[in-house]
Amino acid sequence: MLSRSEPALSPGTSWIGERGHHEPGAFCWAGLASSDPADAKSFYASMFGWKSEDMPAGDFGSYAALRHNSREVAILYRQTREARAAQAAPHWTAYVSVEDADASALLVRELGGAVLRDPLDLADAGRVAAVRDPLGAIFSLWQPRAHAGAEVIDDIGALSWHELVTPNVERAKSFYGALFAWEYQAGPGRLTTITNAGSRIGTMREDSEPERASASSWISYFGVVSARDAQQTAGRNRGRTMTGAADSPIGRTALLADRQGATFAVLERAAAKAA
């Protein structure tokens, strides 16, 4: 744990605030695959004040844009019929911006990962592919067209960080470095800090003993004023606390789960100043 006298990691300045563009290799969105989208909309409206709008998505069907103060911060969609039949757990997925989803998906395979859903168009918004790294962590590739992704980053109610929990940090570093040209630094608390195009965008860490029964995964963090208050709000709305509010090398956080069991984290943040 991090003492309050120690500085927490923070993103580079190009990561923060309202966004009309995301550098290739940057986290640009988070998407929730839910077994009950209507219930998920209600839960996250209570958590973050998000409002939703259903949007057409071409071959994908449809999705809901999730907005905070009228700015899109994430997306929500129903799990596929196949996922529901297999009783796959609802989950949040990290989206990484790429210049060419097809080429990046091919490279995922060449590097030992897997493509779970071949690239497809979401109407004119962009092209998306669902992939898995060699250690089992699932994420998505996003090739922007009309839509770059989240319209605000690192603010209250918005995507603020991503962390990879993995059994082999060195293998993960090699895979993502080759895929996205990420660079790394040793961080506090045995974390590895991820840098993309000069901005700190996330961390990697080895899984703890209790986490080893679960697959490697990316955790999406959303900004809040108070991690403890967010934890209490989740509880009042029949969510669960996985790890209670506590200081960490990236700031004060809590790991939570929504009513369908999708896990996410909150990170205390000051509100971004308007430009």
Protein backbone atom coordinates (compact mmCIF):
# COMPACT_ATOMS: atom_id res chain seq x y z
CA MET A 1 0.00 0.00 0.00
CA LEU A 2 1.04 3.57 -0.57
CA SER A 3 1.27 5.98 2.32
CA ARG A 4 -0.46 9.34 1.92
CA SER A 5 2.95 11.05 1.94
CA GLU A 6 4.05 9.23 -1.24
CA PRO A 7 3.08 10.59 -4.67
CA ALA A 8 0.74 8.47 -6.74
CA LEU A 9 1.32 7.80 -10.40
CA SER A 10 -0.52 10.14 -12.74
CA PRO A 11 -1.02 10.19 -16.51
CA GLY A 12 0.93 12.42 -18.86
CA THR A 13 -0.70 15.69 -19.83
CA SER A 14 -1.77 14.48 -23.28
CA TRP A 15 -4.00 11.85 -21.62
CA ILE A 16 -6.11 14.24 -19.54
CA GLY A 17 -9.38 16.04 -20.29
CA GLU A 18 -11.69 16.31 -23.29
CA ARG A 19 -10.65 14.31 -26.31
CA GLY A 20 -11.34 14.37 -30.03
CA HIS A 21 -8.43 12.05 -30.83
CA HIS A 22 -6.58 9.16 -29.21
CA GLU A 23 -3.04 8.26 -30.17
CA PRO A 24 -2.60 4.76 -31.62
CA GLY A 25 -1.75 2.45 -28.73
CA ALA A 26 -3.75 4.49 -26.19
CA PHE A 27 -6.77 3.23 -24.28
CA CYS A 28 -9.65 4.99 -25.99
CA TRP A 29 -12.78 3.42 -24.56
CA ALA A 30 -14.16 0.88 -22.13
CA GLY A 31 -17.04 -1.38 -23.11
CA LEU A 32 -19.38 -3.36 -20.88
CA ALA A 33 -20.76 -6.67 -22.16
CA SER A 34 -23.81 -7.16 -19.96
CA SER A 35 -26.35 -9.94 -19.54
CA ASP A 36 -28.99 -7.29 -18.71
CA PRO A 37 -28.25 -3.92 -20.38
CA ALA A 38 -31.33 -2.21 -18.95
CA ASP A 39 -30.33 -3.14 -15.40
CA ALA A 40 -26.72 -2.15 -16.07
CA LYS A 41 -27.84 1.29 -17.28
CA SER A 42 -29.72 1.77 -13.99
CA PHE A 43 -26.77 0.62 -11.87
CA TYR A 44 -24.19 2.88 -13.52
CA ALA A 45 -26.57 5.84 -13.55
CA SER A 46 -26.58 5.50 -9.76
CA MET A 47 -22.81 4.96 -9.60
CA PHE A 48 -21.58 7.73 -11.89
CA GLY A 49 -24.62 9.71 -13.03
CA TRP A 50 -24.24 8.27 -16.53
CA LYS A 51 -27.01 8.72 -19.07
CA SER A 52 -27.40 6.33 -21.98
CA GLU A 53 -28.45 6.54 -25.61
CA ASP A 54 -29.00 3.52 -27.84
CA MET A 55 -27.02 3.70 -31.09
CA PRO A 56 -27.07 1.62 -34.32
CA ALA A 57 -23.91 -0.39 -34.96
CA GLY A 58 -24.20 -2.05 -38.36
CA ASP A 59 -23.23 -5.74 -38.28
CA PHE A 60 -22.72 -5.51 -34.52
CA GLY A 61 -26.41 -4.72 -33.98
CA SER A 62 -26.62 -1.89 -31.46
CA TYR A 63 -24.93 -0.49 -28.39
CA ALA A 64 -25.62 2.17 -25.79
CA ALA A 65 -23.41 5.24 -25.52
CA LEU A 66 -22.81 6.04 -21.83
CA ARG A 67 -22.37 9.75 -21.14
CA HIS A 68 -21.29 11.89 -18.21
CA ASN A 69 -22.21 15.58 -18.47
CA SER A 70 -23.19 14.93 -22.12
CA ARG A 71 -19.72 13.59 -23.00
CA GLU A 72 -19.34 9.96 -23.99
CA VAL A 73 -17.21 7.98 -21.57
CA ALA A 74 -17.97 4.30 -22.30
CA ILE A 75 -20.23 1.92 -24.21
CA LEU A 76 -22.60 -0.85 -23.18
CA TYR A 77 -23.89 -3.79 -25.20
CA ARG A 78 -25.68 -7.09 -24.65
CA GLN A 79 -23.48 -10.17 -24.49
CA THR A 80 -23.66 -12.27 -27.62
CA ARG A 81 -26.02 -15.22 -27.77
CA GLU A 82 -23.00 -17.54 -27.77
CA ALA A 83 -21.53 -15.90 -24.66
CA ARG A 84 -24.84 -16.16 -22.81
CA ALA A 85 -25.23 -19.81 -23.84
CA ALA A 86 -21.74 -20.52 -22.52
CA GLN A 87 -22.66 -18.68 -19.29
CA ALA A 88 -19.74 -16.30 -19.78
CA ALA A 89 -19.59 -13.70 -17.04
CA PRO A 90 -20.51 -10.09 -17.89
CA HIS A 91 -17.33 -8.02 -18.10
CA TRP A 92 -15.72 -4.69 -18.88
CA THR A 93 -13.33 -4.64 -21.84
CA ALA A 94 -10.50 -2.19 -22.49
CA TYR A 95 -10.38 -0.73 -26.03
CA VAL A 96 -7.06 0.31 -27.57
CA SER A 97 -6.91 2.71 -30.52
CA VAL A 98 -5.17 1.35 -33.64
CA GLU A 99 -4.63 2.61 -37.16
CA ASP A 100 -5.70 -0.67 -38.80
CA ALA A 101 -7.81 -3.20 -36.87
CA ASP A 102 -7.28 -5.95 -39.45
CA ALA A 103 -3.49 -5.60 -39.45
CA SER A 104 -3.39 -5.40 -35.64
CA ALA A 105 -5.59 -8.50 -35.29
CA LEU A 106 -3.24 -10.39 -37.60
CA LEU A 107 -0.28 -9.27 -35.49
CA VAL A 108 -2.04 -10.45 -32.31
CA ARG A 109 -2.12 -13.95 -33.82
CA GLU A 110 1.52 -13.76 -34.93
CA LEU A 111 2.56 -12.78 -31.40
CA GLY A 112 0.82 -15.77 -29.82
CA GLY A 113 -2.52 -14.22 -28.93
CA ALA A 114 -5.96 -15.08 -30.29
CA VAL A 115 -8.69 -13.23 -32.20
CA LEU A 116 -12.03 -13.90 -30.52
CA ARG A 117 -14.10 -11.81 -32.94
CA ASP A 118 -12.80 -10.88 -36.37
CA PRO A 119 -12.78 -7.16 -37.21
CA LEU A 120 -16.19 -5.74 -38.07
CA ASP A 121 -17.65 -2.30 -38.65
CA LEU A 122 -19.79 -0.46 -36.11
CA ALA A 123 -21.74 1.47 -38.73
CA ASP A 124 -19.53 4.46 -39.65
CA ALA A 125 -18.16 4.88 -36.10
CA GLY A 126 -15.16 2.59 -36.51
CA ARG A 127 -13.91 -0.96 -36.89
CA VAL A 128 -13.52 -3.28 -33.87
CA ALA A 129 -11.99 -6.66 -33.07
CA ALA A 130 -12.04 -8.64 -29.82
CA VAL A 131 -8.71 -10.30 -29.01
CA ARG A 132 -6.88 -12.11 -26.21
CA ASP A 133 -3.23 -11.88 -25.21
CA PRO A 134 -1.09 -15.06 -24.80
CA LEU A 135 -1.77 -15.06 -21.03
CA GLY A 136 -5.55 -14.89 -21.33
CA ALA A 137 -6.38 -11.18 -20.90
CA ILE A 138 -9.13 -10.02 -23.27
CA PHE A 139 -9.18 -6.55 -24.85
CA SER A 140 -10.48 -4.92 -28.02
CA LEU A 141 -8.88 -3.10 -30.93
CA TRP A 142 -10.60 0.09 -32.11
CA GLN A 143 -9.91 1.63 -35.51
CA PRO A 144 -11.62 5.03 -35.39
CA ARG A 145 -13.56 6.48 -38.29
CA ALA A 146 -16.32 8.92 -37.40
CA HIS A 147 -15.82 8.22 -33.68
CA ALA A 148 -12.46 8.37 -31.88
CA GLY A 149 -13.79 6.80 -28.67
CA ALA A 150 -14.33 8.37 -25.25
CA GLU A 151 -14.84 12.12 -25.44
CA VAL A 152 -13.25 12.76 -22.04
CA ILE A 153 -10.48 10.96 -20.17
CA ASP A 154 -9.20 11.09 -16.58
CA ASP A 155 -12.04 13.08 -15.08
CA ILE A 156 -14.77 12.40 -12.55
CA GLY A 157 -17.15 9.82 -14.03
CA ALA A 158 -14.74 9.03 -16.88
CA LEU A 159 -12.20 6.36 -17.75
CA SER A 160 -9.06 7.15 -15.74
CA TRP A 161 -6.66 4.18 -15.81
CA HIS A 162 -6.18 0.56 -16.85
CA GLU A 163 -4.23 -2.15 -15.06
CA LEU A 164 -3.23 -5.59 -16.31
CA VAL A 165 -3.21 -8.38 -13.74
CA THR A 166 -1.13 -11.20 -15.20
CA PRO A 167 0.90 -14.24 -14.11
CA ASN A 168 3.88 -13.18 -16.23
CA VAL A 169 4.67 -9.48 -16.53
CA GLU A 170 7.75 -10.02 -18.71
CA ARG A 171 5.78 -12.05 -21.25
CA ALA A 172 3.03 -9.44 -21.24
CA LYS A 173 5.54 -6.62 -21.74
CA SER A 174 6.99 -8.41 -24.75
CA PHE A 175 3.58 -9.00 -26.35
CA TYR A 176 2.17 -5.50 -25.88
CA GLY A 177 5.47 -3.84 -26.70
CA ALA A 178 5.55 -5.60 -30.06
CA LEU A 179 1.84 -4.96 -30.69
CA PHE A 180 1.55 -1.29 -29.67
CA ALA A 181 5.18 -0.10 -29.22
CA TRP A 182 4.48 0.51 -25.53
CA GLU A 183 7.41 1.45 -23.31
CA TYR A 184 7.80 0.51 -19.67
CA GLN A 185 9.26 1.76 -16.42
CA ALA A 186 9.50 0.15 -13.01
CA GLY A 187 6.93 1.86 -10.82
CA PRO A 188 6.19 1.88 -7.09
CA GLY A 189 4.69 -1.11 -5.33
CA ARG A 190 6.24 -3.62 -7.84
CA LEU A 191 4.15 -2.13 -10.63
CA THR A 192 5.26 -1.74 -14.22
CA THR A 193 4.15 1.59 -15.69
CA ILE A 194 3.00 1.64 -19.32
CA THR A 195 3.86 4.64 -21.51
CA ASN A 196 2.38 5.29 -24.95
CA ALA A 197 3.43 8.27 -27.09
CA GLY A 198 4.90 9.99 -24.04
CA SER A 199 1.87 9.53 -21.75
CA ARG A 200 1.48 7.13 -18.85
CA ILE A 201 -1.66 5.15 -19.63
CA GLY A 202 -1.71 2.25 -17.18
CA THR A 203 0.17 -0.35 -15.18
CA MET A 204 0.91 -4.06 -15.12
CA ARG A 205 1.39 -6.24 -12.07
CA GLU A 206 1.72 -9.91 -11.27
CA ASP A 207 -1.39 -11.53 -9.89
CA SER A 208 -1.64 -12.19 -6.17
CA GLU A 209 -2.25 -15.66 -4.71
CA PRO A 210 -6.05 -15.18 -4.47
CA GLU A 211 -6.18 -13.90 -8.07
CA ARG A 212 -4.45 -16.92 -9.57
CA ALA A 213 -7.68 -18.90 -9.75
CA SER A 214 -8.96 -16.33 -12.27
CA ALA A 215 -7.75 -15.57 -15.78
CA SER A 216 -5.35 -12.74 -16.52
CA SER A 217 -7.37 -9.57 -17.06
CA TRP A 218 -7.43 -5.84 -17.70
CA ILE A 219 -9.15 -3.75 -15.01
CA SER A 220 -10.84 -0.49 -16.07
CA TYR A 221 -10.73 2.37 -13.53
CA PHE A 222 -13.23 5.25 -13.48
CA GLY A 223 -12.64 8.57 -11.74
CA VAL A 224 -14.55 9.42 -8.56
CA VAL A 225 -14.35 12.07 -5.85
CA SER A 226 -14.25 9.44 -3.10
CA ALA A 227 -13.49 5.72 -3.47
CA ARG A 228 -15.18 5.00 -0.14
CA ASP A 229 -18.36 6.83 -1.20
CA ALA A 230 -18.35 4.93 -4.50
CA GLN A 231 -18.00 1.66 -2.61
CA GLN A 232 -20.99 2.57 -0.43
CA THR A 233 -23.03 3.59 -3.48
CA ALA A 234 -22.31 0.23 -5.12
CA GLY A 235 -23.45 -1.56 -1.96
CA ARG A 236 -26.70 0.40 -1.76
CA ASN A 237 -27.39 -0.59 -5.38
CA ARG A 238 -26.75 -4.30 -4.78
CA GLY A 239 -23.26 -4.25 -6.25
CA ARG A 240 -20.35 -5.94 -4.47
CA THR A 241 -17.05 -4.81 -3.00
CA MET A 242 -14.17 -6.98 -4.17
CA THR A 243 -11.46 -4.87 -2.51
CA GLY A 244 -12.41 -2.01 -0.20
CA ALA A 245 -11.23 1.58 -0.56
CA ALA A 246 -7.50 1.81 0.18
CA ASP A 247 -4.37 3.69 -0.86
CA SER A 248 -2.35 2.19 -3.71
CA PRO A 249 0.57 3.28 -5.91
CA ILE A 250 -1.85 4.86 -8.40
CA GLY A 251 -3.99 6.63 -5.79
CA ARG A 252 -6.93 5.70 -3.57
CA THR A 253 -8.95 2.95 -5.23
CA ALA A 254 -11.64 0.33 -4.72
CA LEU A 255 -12.42 -2.76 -6.79
CA LEU A 256 -16.17 -3.30 -7.24
CA ALA A 257 -18.65 -5.44 -9.17
CA ASP A 258 -22.02 -4.49 -10.62
CA ARG A 259 -25.26 -6.45 -10.14
CA GLN A 260 -24.43 -8.85 -12.99
CA GLY A 261 -20.93 -9.46 -11.63
CA ALA A 262 -18.85 -7.33 -14.03
CA THR A 263 -15.83 -6.01 -12.13
CA PHE A 264 -14.48 -2.47 -12.42
CA ALA A 265 -12.43 -0.15 -10.25
CA VAL A 266 -12.72 3.43 -9.08
CA LEU A 267 -9.85 5.86 -8.65
CA GLU A 268 -10.00 9.12 -6.73
CA ARG A 269 -9.41 12.03 -9.09
CA ALA A 270 -9.70 15.80 -8.98
CA ALA A 271 -12.05 17.16 -11.65
CA ALA A 272 -10.18 18.19 -14.80
CA LYS A 273 -10.09 21.95 -15.36
CA ALA A 274 -11.86 23.27 -18.43
CA ALA A 275 -9.49 24.44 -21.15
